[in-house]
Every structure is written in C-alpha cells, then in structure tokens.
Amino acid sequence: SFSPLLSSLSQPASQPASQPANQPDHSQEQFPRKCQPFKLDPKTAHKKLRLSNDCLTMEKDESSLKKSHTPERFSSTGSYGAAGNVFIDSGCHYWEVLLGASTWYAVGVAYKSAPKNEWSGKNSSSWVFSRCNNNFMVRHNGKEMLVEASHQLRRLGVLLDYDNNSLSFYDAMNSQHLHTFEVSFLLPVAPTFMIWNKSVMILSGLPVPDFVDCPEEHQEGMTTLCRQQDSPYVSGMKGCH
C-alpha cells in the first residue's frame, strides 16, 4: 500500500529565504520557471505495476496481470517501469520523486526508442539515477558509476535542462547535488521510472528550486557522455539486472 511517508513528503522541497533586494536573483534568468507537468502513462506501465493517486503513484503489484501487452509497455521480468505521458524537446523542467521505503529503483529520461524489455540505462537511449539496495549509481549505455548519496534519500529531484544538454539529480530535502549527465539530446525524451520494490510518487511541474543554481558545485559530479573514450564509467561492473 501507499506509504504514509510519501504523504508526509508530498509538498515541494522548501525554498531558501528570498535574496535581499540589492542582490538580483539570477536563477530565474538561468532556469525559466515554467515546467511541464506530467503523469505516469498507463499504456506504458508494466503488468506488475499498479498506478494510483491519479497516475502519480506507482507500486509493485504481483497480482496486477490483467493488462494486455502493447509495444509501449515495459515488459522485462526485472524492470517494472512506466514512462511519463509527455515527451520533452525543449526548455528546463524539474520534478521530484518521493521514494518512500523503496530501495530498488531507477529514475531518469529516455527516448521513445529505448527498449522496454530491459533495465533503463542499459542502452544508449536512456539515462538514469538508480539505487540497488545499498548502492547508488548512475547508468547509461550499459555502463555504471557509483554515486555517493545518503541511505536516507527520500526525495529525489530531477532537473532536465534540454536546451543546455544536461540532466541533473539532487537530494531535494538536503539541497545536495548528486550527479549531472552532460549529453546532447538528439530526440525528445520522456521521464522514466522503474521500481523493484515498494512504491514511488511523482511530483511534476514544480518550480526550479533556488539550490540548483550552483553550477560551481556540479563540476565533480559532471560526466560528459558524448564521446565514449572520455567516459569515466567502467564496463563489467556488476549491476542490478
């Protein structure tokens, strides 16, 4: 069932106090505040997922097997996924994922062409932040890199800056930057979500928090994935699936 912890976290992360009048707020100049709201698309949801809360919550449900198979539906035995009902091809967009007690999930974006029968991030068409029990990692094109994050991570912030070629992840409760993919998107992308246990809830269309306007803090977590030989990812690392 839907975790009470998710309900208690369902308000957007608190914003820092307003800047003094003599200090201009550059964050609104860098990141437009109009973000695209979306919900989970039932047509893409794995047969063993139950969507609720107006298609904002997804929960693993072994008894939910009545859905018919379609090409859009996630179908892997080890990746219970669903996509957002939008494809984004411009602008800057921020959403959060309330993770509750889930310890096995993947959150990110993917092209429409991304395979639906494997874990997101195992192909060149998807980019995700993932937790596998006690390990946090980012994954793209079958390569993984460990990321330092708190085991108490309960609210994951996602910032897609399509026009500036970046996808960033944050511990939204602690205003902490976790990782940034730097990649030139070639096609529209859809928000993508996967779980192996428990449930997660989506908060979309949120204003971009002030704490993301800290580019100097992103450098250590920045990864350029445009050229394979420059990637710090290691192949052969034991993954979740």
C-alpha atoms as a PDB file:
ATOM      1  CA  SER A   1       0.000   0.000   0.000  1.00  0.00           C
ATOM      2  CA  PHE A   2       0.946   3.616  -0.394  1.00  0.00           C
ATOM      3  CA  SER A   3       3.497   4.555   2.259  1.00  0.00           C
ATOM      4  CA  PRO A   4       2.446   7.231   4.802  1.00  0.00           C
ATOM      5  CA  LEU A   5       5.964   8.609   4.440  1.00  0.00           C
ATOM      6  CA  LEU A   6       5.187   9.600   0.869  1.00  0.00           C
ATOM      7  CA  SER A   7       2.126  11.521   2.027  1.00  0.00           C
ATOM      8  CA  SER A   8       4.190  13.425   4.556  1.00  0.00           C
ATOM      9  CA  LEU A   9       6.661  14.379   1.841  1.00  0.00           C
ATOM     10  CA  SER A  10       4.154  15.358  -0.832  1.00  0.00           C
ATOM     11  CA  GLN A  11       4.839  19.069  -0.566  1.00  0.00           C
ATOM     12  CA  PRO A  12       7.638  20.536  -2.707  1.00  0.00           C
ATOM     13  CA  ALA A  13      11.002  20.959  -1.008  1.00  0.00           C
ATOM     14  CA  SER A  14      11.219  24.159   0.970  1.00  0.00           C
ATOM     15  CA  GLN A  15      12.815  27.102  -0.794  1.00  0.00           C
ATOM     16  CA  PRO A  16      15.607  29.154   0.769  1.00  0.00           C
ATOM     17  CA  ALA A  17      14.707  32.616   2.008  1.00  0.00           C
ATOM     18  CA  SER A  18      14.407  35.314  -0.651  1.00  0.00           C
ATOM     19  CA  GLN A  19      17.553  37.201  -1.535  1.00  0.00           C
ATOM     20  CA  PRO A  20      17.920  40.791  -0.334  1.00  0.00           C
ATOM     21  CA  ALA A  21      16.558  43.420  -2.678  1.00  0.00           C
ATOM     22  CA  ASN A  22      20.054  44.585  -3.628  1.00  0.00           C
ATOM     23  CA  GLN A  23      21.107  41.098  -4.745  1.00  0.00           C
ATOM     24  CA  PRO A  24      19.461  40.062  -8.013  1.00  0.00           C
ATOM     25  CA  ASP A  25      18.191  36.510  -8.327  1.00  0.00           C
ATOM     26  CA  HIS A  26      20.000  35.052 -11.327  1.00  0.00           C
ATOM     27  CA  SER A  27      18.375  31.639 -11.003  1.00  0.00           C
ATOM     28  CA  GLN A  28      15.243  32.781 -12.796  1.00  0.00           C
ATOM     29  CA  GLU A  29      17.369  34.080 -15.654  1.00  0.00           C
ATOM     30  CA  GLN A  30      19.241  30.800 -15.984  1.00  0.00           C
ATOM     31  CA  PHE A  31      16.284  28.462 -15.480  1.00  0.00           C
ATOM     32  CA  PRO A  32      12.827  29.535 -16.717  1.00  0.00           C
ATOM     33  CA  ARG A  33      10.269  28.702 -14.041  1.00  0.00           C
ATOM     34  CA  LYS A  34       7.648  27.214 -16.367  1.00  0.00           C
ATOM     35  CA  CYS A  35       7.977  23.443 -16.000  1.00  0.00           C
ATOM     36  CA  GLN A  36       5.959  20.818 -17.846  1.00  0.00           C
ATOM     37  CA  PRO A  37       3.584  18.865 -15.570  1.00  0.00           C
ATOM     38  CA  PHE A  38       3.013  15.203 -16.368  1.00  0.00           C
ATOM     39  CA  LYS A  39       1.606  11.963 -15.011  1.00  0.00           C
ATOM     40  CA  LEU A  40       2.518   8.320 -15.432  1.00  0.00           C
ATOM     41  CA  ASP A  41       1.245   6.873 -18.695  1.00  0.00           C
ATOM     42  CA  PRO A  42      -0.871   3.741 -18.007  1.00  0.00           C
ATOM     43  CA  LYS A  43      -0.220   2.477 -21.543  1.00  0.00           C
ATOM     44  CA  THR A  44       3.478   2.126 -20.703  1.00  0.00           C
ATOM     45  CA  ALA A  45       3.146   0.653 -17.198  1.00  0.00           C
ATOM     46  CA  HIS A  46       4.484  -2.859 -16.615  1.00  0.00           C
ATOM     47  CA  LYS A  47       1.847  -5.516 -15.993  1.00  0.00           C
ATOM     48  CA  LYS A  48       3.071  -5.922 -12.423  1.00  0.00           C
ATOM     49  CA  LEU A  49       2.670  -2.244 -11.587  1.00  0.00           C
ATOM     50  CA  ARG A  50      -0.391  -0.604 -10.123  1.00  0.00           C
ATOM     51  CA  LEU A  51      -0.885   3.096 -10.816  1.00  0.00           C
ATOM     52  CA  SER A  52      -2.946   5.135  -8.370  1.00  0.00           C
ATOM     53  CA  ASN A  53      -3.328   8.645  -6.979  1.00  0.00           C
ATOM     54  CA  ASP A  54      -4.417   9.983 -10.381  1.00  0.00           C
ATOM     55  CA  CYS A  55      -1.483   8.205 -12.067  1.00  0.00           C
ATOM     56  CA  LEU A  56       1.095   9.888  -9.846  1.00  0.00           C
ATOM     57  CA  THR A  57       1.979   6.819  -7.752  1.00  0.00           C
ATOM     58  CA  MET A  58       3.356   3.501  -8.983  1.00  0.00           C
ATOM     59  CA  GLU A  59       3.546   0.388  -6.829  1.00  0.00           C
ATOM     60  CA  LYS A  60       4.766  -3.133  -7.453  1.00  0.00           C
ATOM     61  CA  ASP A  61       1.725  -5.408  -7.546  1.00  0.00           C
ATOM     62  CA  GLU A  62       2.267  -9.074  -8.382  1.00  0.00           C
ATOM     63  CA  SER A  63      -1.484  -9.624  -8.734  1.00  0.00           C
ATOM     64  CA  SER A  64      -1.910  -6.940 -11.379  1.00  0.00           C
ATOM     65  CA  LEU A  65      -1.628  -9.068 -14.519  1.00  0.00           C
ATOM     66  CA  LYS A  66      -4.800  -8.209 -16.452  1.00  0.00           C
ATOM     67  CA  LYS A  67      -3.214  -5.593 -18.693  1.00  0.00           C
ATOM     68  CA  SER A  68      -2.751  -6.537 -22.329  1.00  0.00           C
ATOM     69  CA  HIS A  69       0.711  -6.409 -23.857  1.00  0.00           C
ATOM     70  CA  THR A  70       1.452  -3.456 -26.115  1.00  0.00           C
ATOM     71  CA  PRO A  71       4.707  -2.277 -27.745  1.00  0.00           C
ATOM     72  CA  GLU A  72       4.708   0.764 -25.439  1.00  0.00           C
ATOM     73  CA  ARG A  73       4.514  -1.298 -22.246  1.00  0.00           C
ATOM     74  CA  PHE A  74       7.588  -2.130 -20.153  1.00  0.00           C
ATOM     75  CA  SER A  75       7.904  -5.902 -20.262  1.00  0.00           C
ATOM     76  CA  SER A  76      11.122  -7.085 -18.611  1.00  0.00           C
ATOM     77  CA  THR A  77      10.903  -9.556 -15.748  1.00  0.00           C
ATOM     78  CA  GLY A  78      13.356  -7.426 -13.773  1.00  0.00           C
ATOM     79  CA  SER A  79      12.298  -3.896 -14.648  1.00  0.00           C
ATOM     80  CA  TYR A  80       8.863  -2.798 -13.523  1.00  0.00           C
ATOM     81  CA  GLY A  81       8.718   0.529 -15.293  1.00  0.00           C
ATOM     82  CA  ALA A  82       6.443   3.279 -16.527  1.00  0.00           C
ATOM     83  CA  ALA A  83       7.043   6.444 -18.513  1.00  0.00           C
ATOM     84  CA  GLY A  84       5.655   9.919 -18.125  1.00  0.00           C
ATOM     85  CA  ASN A  85       2.904  10.925 -20.526  1.00  0.00           C
ATOM     86  CA  VAL A  86       4.971  13.686 -22.160  1.00  0.00           C
ATOM     87  CA  PHE A  87       7.928  13.925 -24.499  1.00  0.00           C
ATOM     88  CA  ILE A  88      10.129  16.944 -23.846  1.00  0.00           C
ATOM     89  CA  ASP A  89      12.148  18.560 -26.624  1.00  0.00           C
ATOM     90  CA  SER A  90      12.972  21.994 -25.210  1.00  0.00           C
ATOM     91  CA  GLY A  91      13.132  24.078 -22.059  1.00  0.00           C
ATOM     92  CA  CYS A  92      14.114  23.426 -18.464  1.00  0.00           C
ATOM     93  CA  HIS A  93      11.937  21.124 -16.365  1.00  0.00           C
ATOM     94  CA  TYR A  94      12.087  19.999 -12.733  1.00  0.00           C
ATOM     95  CA  TRP A  95      10.269  17.186 -10.969  1.00  0.00           C
ATOM     96  CA  GLU A  96      10.694  15.188  -7.790  1.00  0.00           C
ATOM     97  CA  VAL A  97      10.218  11.545  -6.897  1.00  0.00           C
ATOM     98  CA  LEU A  98       9.120  10.594  -3.396  1.00  0.00           C
ATOM     99  CA  LEU A  99      10.940   7.326  -2.823  1.00  0.00           C
ATOM    100  CA  GLY A 100       9.360   6.229   0.444  1.00  0.00           C
ATOM    101  CA  ALA A 101      10.808   2.908   1.585  1.00  0.00           C
ATOM    102  CA  SER A 102      11.851   1.706  -1.870  1.00  0.00           C
ATOM    103  CA  THR A 103      15.455   0.505  -2.022  1.00  0.00           C
ATOM    104  CA  TRP A 104      15.493  -0.596  -5.650  1.00  0.00           C
ATOM    105  CA  TYR A 105      14.574   1.905  -8.332  1.00  0.00           C
ATOM    106  CA  ALA A 106      15.760   3.848 -11.372  1.00  0.00           C
ATOM    107  CA  VAL A 107      14.712   7.385 -12.347  1.00  0.00           C
ATOM    108  CA  GLY A 108      15.690   9.355 -15.432  1.00  0.00           C
ATOM    109  CA  VAL A 109      14.734  10.055 -19.031  1.00  0.00           C
ATOM    110  CA  ALA A 110      14.638   8.022 -22.240  1.00  0.00           C
ATOM    111  CA  TYR A 111      13.984   8.310 -25.935  1.00  0.00           C
ATOM    112  CA  LYS A 112      10.823   6.686 -27.267  1.00  0.00           C
ATOM    113  CA  SER A 113      13.047   4.126 -28.986  1.00  0.00           C
ATOM    114  CA  ALA A 114      14.577   2.900 -25.701  1.00  0.00           C
ATOM    115  CA  PRO A 115      13.996  -0.863 -25.275  1.00  0.00           C
ATOM    116  CA  LYS A 116      11.133  -1.692 -22.918  1.00  0.00           C
ATOM    117  CA  ASN A 117      12.387  -5.180 -22.102  1.00  0.00           C
ATOM    118  CA  GLU A 118      15.480  -4.215 -20.117  1.00  0.00           C
ATOM    119  CA  TRP A 119      16.539  -2.032 -17.196  1.00  0.00           C
ATOM    120  CA  SER A 120      16.721   1.654 -18.116  1.00  0.00           C
ATOM    121  CA  GLY A 121      20.273   2.883 -18.603  1.00  0.00           C
ATOM    122  CA  LYS A 122      21.457  -0.363 -20.162  1.00  0.00           C
ATOM    123  CA  ASN A 123      21.160   1.183 -23.616  1.00  0.00           C
ATOM    124  CA  SER A 124      22.259   4.333 -25.416  1.00  0.00           C
ATOM    125  CA  SER A 125      18.716   5.760 -25.356  1.00  0.00           C
ATOM    126  CA  SER A 126      18.247   6.227 -21.596  1.00  0.00           C
ATOM    127  CA  TRP A 127      19.968   7.947 -18.652  1.00  0.00           C
ATOM    128  CA  VAL A 128      19.085   7.126 -15.031  1.00  0.00           C
ATOM    129  CA  PHE A 129      19.968   7.547 -11.376  1.00  0.00           C
ATOM    130  CA  SER A 130      19.481   4.224  -9.637  1.00  0.00           C
ATOM    131  CA  ARG A 131      19.517   2.596  -6.241  1.00  0.00           C
ATOM    132  CA  CYS A 132      20.186  -1.132  -5.827  1.00  0.00           C
ATOM    133  CA  ASN A 133      19.839  -1.882  -2.120  1.00  0.00           C
ATOM    134  CA  ASN A 134      22.873  -0.155  -0.561  1.00  0.00           C
ATOM    135  CA  ASN A 135      24.435   1.114  -3.793  1.00  0.00           C
ATOM    136  CA  PHE A 136      23.580   4.336  -5.610  1.00  0.00           C
ATOM    137  CA  MET A 137      24.729   4.743  -9.194  1.00  0.00           C
ATOM    138  CA  VAL A 138      24.112   6.475 -12.493  1.00  0.00           C
ATOM    139  CA  ARG A 139      23.803   4.409 -15.637  1.00  0.00           C
ATOM    140  CA  HIS A 140      23.861   4.985 -19.387  1.00  0.00           C
ATOM    141  CA  ASN A 141      24.613   2.728 -22.348  1.00  0.00           C
ATOM    142  CA  GLY A 142      25.261  -0.256 -20.092  1.00  0.00           C
ATOM    143  CA  LYS A 143      27.932   1.495 -18.036  1.00  0.00           C
ATOM    144  CA  GLU A 144      27.569   2.362 -14.362  1.00  0.00           C
ATOM    145  CA  MET A 145      29.282   4.706 -11.944  1.00  0.00           C
ATOM    146  CA  LEU A 146      28.777   4.714  -8.194  1.00  0.00           C
ATOM    147  CA  VAL A 147      27.420   7.925  -6.679  1.00  0.00           C
ATOM    148  CA  GLU A 148      27.666   8.978  -3.050  1.00  0.00           C
ATOM    149  CA  ALA A 149      24.212   9.521  -1.558  1.00  0.00           C
ATOM    150  CA  SER A 150      22.540   9.161   1.812  1.00  0.00           C
ATOM    151  CA  HIS A 151      20.709   5.922   2.551  1.00  0.00           C
ATOM    152  CA  GLN A 152      18.032   8.236   3.943  1.00  0.00           C
ATOM    153  CA  LEU A 153      17.421   9.704   0.476  1.00  0.00           C
ATOM    154  CA  ARG A 154      13.654  10.071   0.299  1.00  0.00           C
ATOM    155  CA  ARG A 155      13.079  12.881  -2.205  1.00  0.00           C
ATOM    156  CA  LEU A 156      14.962  12.763  -5.497  1.00  0.00           C
ATOM    157  CA  GLY A 157      14.989  15.946  -7.567  1.00  0.00           C
ATOM    158  CA  VAL A 158      15.414  15.740 -11.347  1.00  0.00           C
ATOM    159  CA  LEU A 159      16.359  18.747 -13.469  1.00  0.00           C
ATOM    160  CA  LEU A 160      16.192  18.318 -17.239  1.00  0.00           C
ATOM    161  CA  ASP A 161      17.738  21.324 -18.974  1.00  0.00           C
ATOM    162  CA  TYR A 162      17.131  20.140 -22.517  1.00  0.00           C
ATOM    163  CA  ASP A 163      18.362  23.266 -24.279  1.00  0.00           C
ATOM    164  CA  ASN A 164      21.655  23.234 -22.344  1.00  0.00           C
ATOM    165  CA  ASN A 165      22.222  19.486 -22.731  1.00  0.00           C
ATOM    166  CA  SER A 166      22.125  18.388 -19.101  1.00  0.00           C
ATOM    167  CA  LEU A 167      20.223  16.054 -16.793  1.00  0.00           C
ATOM    168  CA  SER A 168      20.879  16.543 -13.063  1.00  0.00           C
ATOM    169  CA  PHE A 169      19.826  14.705  -9.917  1.00  0.00           C
ATOM    170  CA  TYR A 170      19.525  16.114  -6.386  1.00  0.00           C
ATOM    171  CA  ASP A 171      18.798  15.088  -2.830  1.00  0.00           C
ATOM    172  CA  ALA A 172      15.989  17.631  -2.696  1.00  0.00           C
ATOM    173  CA  MET A 173      15.484  17.508   1.071  1.00  0.00           C
ATOM    174  CA  ASN A 174      19.132  18.373   1.720  1.00  0.00           C
ATOM    175  CA  SER A 175      19.640  20.640  -1.317  1.00  0.00           C
ATOM    176  CA  GLN A 176      22.512  18.380  -2.405  1.00  0.00           C
ATOM    177  CA  HIS A 177      23.661  17.870  -5.983  1.00  0.00           C
ATOM    178  CA  LEU A 178      24.216  14.169  -6.728  1.00  0.00           C
ATOM    179  CA  HIS A 179      25.182  13.937 -10.387  1.00  0.00           C
ATOM    180  CA  THR A 180      24.866  15.625 -13.772  1.00  0.00           C
ATOM    181  CA  PHE A 181      24.846  13.950 -17.168  1.00  0.00           C
ATOM    182  CA  GLU A 182      26.079  16.253 -19.900  1.00  0.00           C
ATOM    183  CA  VAL A 183      24.763  14.960 -23.218  1.00  0.00           C
ATOM    184  CA  SER A 184      23.455  16.439 -26.455  1.00  0.00           C
ATOM    185  CA  PHE A 185      19.923  15.121 -26.771  1.00  0.00           C
ATOM    186  CA  LEU A 186      19.048  14.175 -30.343  1.00  0.00           C
ATOM    187  CA  LEU A 187      15.351  13.423 -29.843  1.00  0.00           C
ATOM    188  CA  PRO A 188      12.539  14.243 -27.403  1.00  0.00           C
ATOM    189  CA  VAL A 189      12.794  12.399 -24.085  1.00  0.00           C
ATOM    190  CA  ALA A 190      10.175  11.106 -21.664  1.00  0.00           C
ATOM    191  CA  PRO A 191      10.570  10.903 -17.874  1.00  0.00           C
ATOM    192  CA  THR A 192      11.171   7.259 -16.958  1.00  0.00           C
ATOM    193  CA  PHE A 193      10.640   5.406 -13.681  1.00  0.00           C
ATOM    194  CA  MET A 194      11.372   1.849 -12.539  1.00  0.00           C
ATOM    195  CA  ILE A 195      10.965   0.050  -9.224  1.00  0.00           C
ATOM    196  CA  TRP A 196      11.660  -3.410  -7.921  1.00  0.00           C
ATOM    197  CA  ASN A 197      10.050  -2.994  -4.503  1.00  0.00           C
ATOM    198  CA  LYS A 198       7.578  -0.764  -2.647  1.00  0.00           C
ATOM    199  CA  SER A 199       6.198   2.373  -4.343  1.00  0.00           C
ATOM    200  CA  VAL A 200       7.187   5.844  -5.511  1.00  0.00           C
ATOM    201  CA  MET A 201       5.219   9.023  -6.127  1.00  0.00           C
ATOM    202  CA  ILE A 202       5.801  11.689  -8.776  1.00  0.00           C
ATOM    203  CA  LEU A 203       5.602  15.456  -8.199  1.00  0.00           C
ATOM    204  CA  SER A 204       5.848  17.214 -11.561  1.00  0.00           C
ATOM    205  CA  GLY A 205       5.593  20.734 -12.916  1.00  0.00           C
ATOM    206  CA  LEU A 206       7.435  22.128  -9.887  1.00  0.00           C
ATOM    207  CA  PRO A 207       9.284  25.441  -9.913  1.00  0.00           C
ATOM    208  CA  VAL A 208      13.031  25.032 -10.205  1.00  0.00           C
ATOM    209  CA  PRO A 209      14.426  25.313  -6.637  1.00  0.00           C
ATOM    210  CA  ASP A 210      16.985  28.003  -5.931  1.00  0.00           C
ATOM    211  CA  PHE A 211      19.519  25.454  -4.723  1.00  0.00           C
ATOM    212  CA  VAL A 212      20.055  24.067  -8.232  1.00  0.00           C
ATOM    213  CA  ASP A 213      21.568  27.401  -9.346  1.00  0.00           C
ATOM    214  CA  CYS A 214      25.039  26.360  -8.179  1.00  0.00           C
ATOM    215  CA  PRO A 215      26.998  25.376 -11.294  1.00  0.00           C
ATOM    216  CA  GLU A 216      30.338  25.517  -9.468  1.00  0.00           C
ATOM    217  CA  GLU A 217      29.161  22.695  -7.201  1.00  0.00           C
ATOM    218  CA  HIS A 218      28.377  20.439 -10.151  1.00  0.00           C
ATOM    219  CA  GLN A 219      31.837  20.043 -11.586  1.00  0.00           C
ATOM    220  CA  GLU A 220      32.888  16.996  -9.557  1.00  0.00           C
ATOM    221  CA  GLY A 221      29.674  15.202 -10.473  1.00  0.00           C
ATOM    222  CA  MET A 222      29.672  16.234 -14.131  1.00  0.00           C
ATOM    223  CA  THR A 223      30.009  13.473 -16.678  1.00  0.00           C
ATOM    224  CA  THR A 224      30.343  14.076 -20.409  1.00  0.00           C
ATOM    225  CA  LEU A 225      28.892  11.170 -22.345  1.00  0.00           C
ATOM    226  CA  CYS A 226      29.197  12.483 -25.879  1.00  0.00           C
ATOM    227  CA  ARG A 227      32.431  10.601 -26.600  1.00  0.00           C
ATOM    228  CA  GLN A 228      32.788   7.028 -25.450  1.00  0.00           C
ATOM    229  CA  GLN A 229      36.533   7.246 -24.773  1.00  0.00           C
ATOM    230  CA  ASP A 230      36.049  10.137 -22.333  1.00  0.00           C
ATOM    231  CA  SER A 231      33.534   8.345 -20.132  1.00  0.00           C
ATOM    232  CA  PRO A 232      34.637   7.537 -16.554  1.00  0.00           C
ATOM    233  CA  TYR A 233      32.137   4.672 -16.480  1.00  0.00           C
ATOM    234  CA  VAL A 234      33.517   1.181 -16.060  1.00  0.00           C
ATOM    235  CA  SER A 235      32.162  -1.694 -18.104  1.00  0.00           C
ATOM    236  CA  GLY A 236      31.804  -5.083 -16.491  1.00  0.00           C
ATOM    237  CA  MET A 237      30.698  -3.657 -13.154  1.00  0.00           C
ATOM    238  CA  LYS A 238      28.131  -5.912 -11.525  1.00  0.00           C
ATOM    239  CA  GLY A 239      24.765  -4.236 -11.994  1.00  0.00           C
ATOM    240  CA  CYS A 240      21.287  -4.689 -10.608  1.00  0.00           C
ATOM    241  CA  HIS A 241      19.952  -6.647 -13.556  1.00  0.00           C
END
